[in-house]
């Protein structure tokens, strides 16, 4: 029995890892979220991925419009602001890389020959 003693910790961890997902899946149907709708999630995803937001890249007008859309959604559902100065926003700085050339994606066959070429824009 002592030769297995060093494996007890690993066996317990393995049991926990196996049992917890089963418990979560078992209780998944019993959790109800008031006002949650998969249709609403779909509509929001479709809205934010629409071309009018122009990709929502950080620092662009499309990003500002997307932030406003989400902010309005938060207000509509009664979510209290928890950001800077009583808003839904907080300061955020992000380093971004820019590339001034043409973005291209090339599909190559196993010999390295270009089969198809896609250009951005």
Foldseek 3Di string as FASTA:
>chain_A
DVVCVVCPVVVVVVVCVVVVVVVCVVCVVVDDDPPDDVVVVVVLVCVLPDCVLVVLPPPDPSVVVNVVVVQVVCVVVPNFQDEPPRGVDYDDDDDDDDDPDWDKDFDADPVRHTPDMDTDD
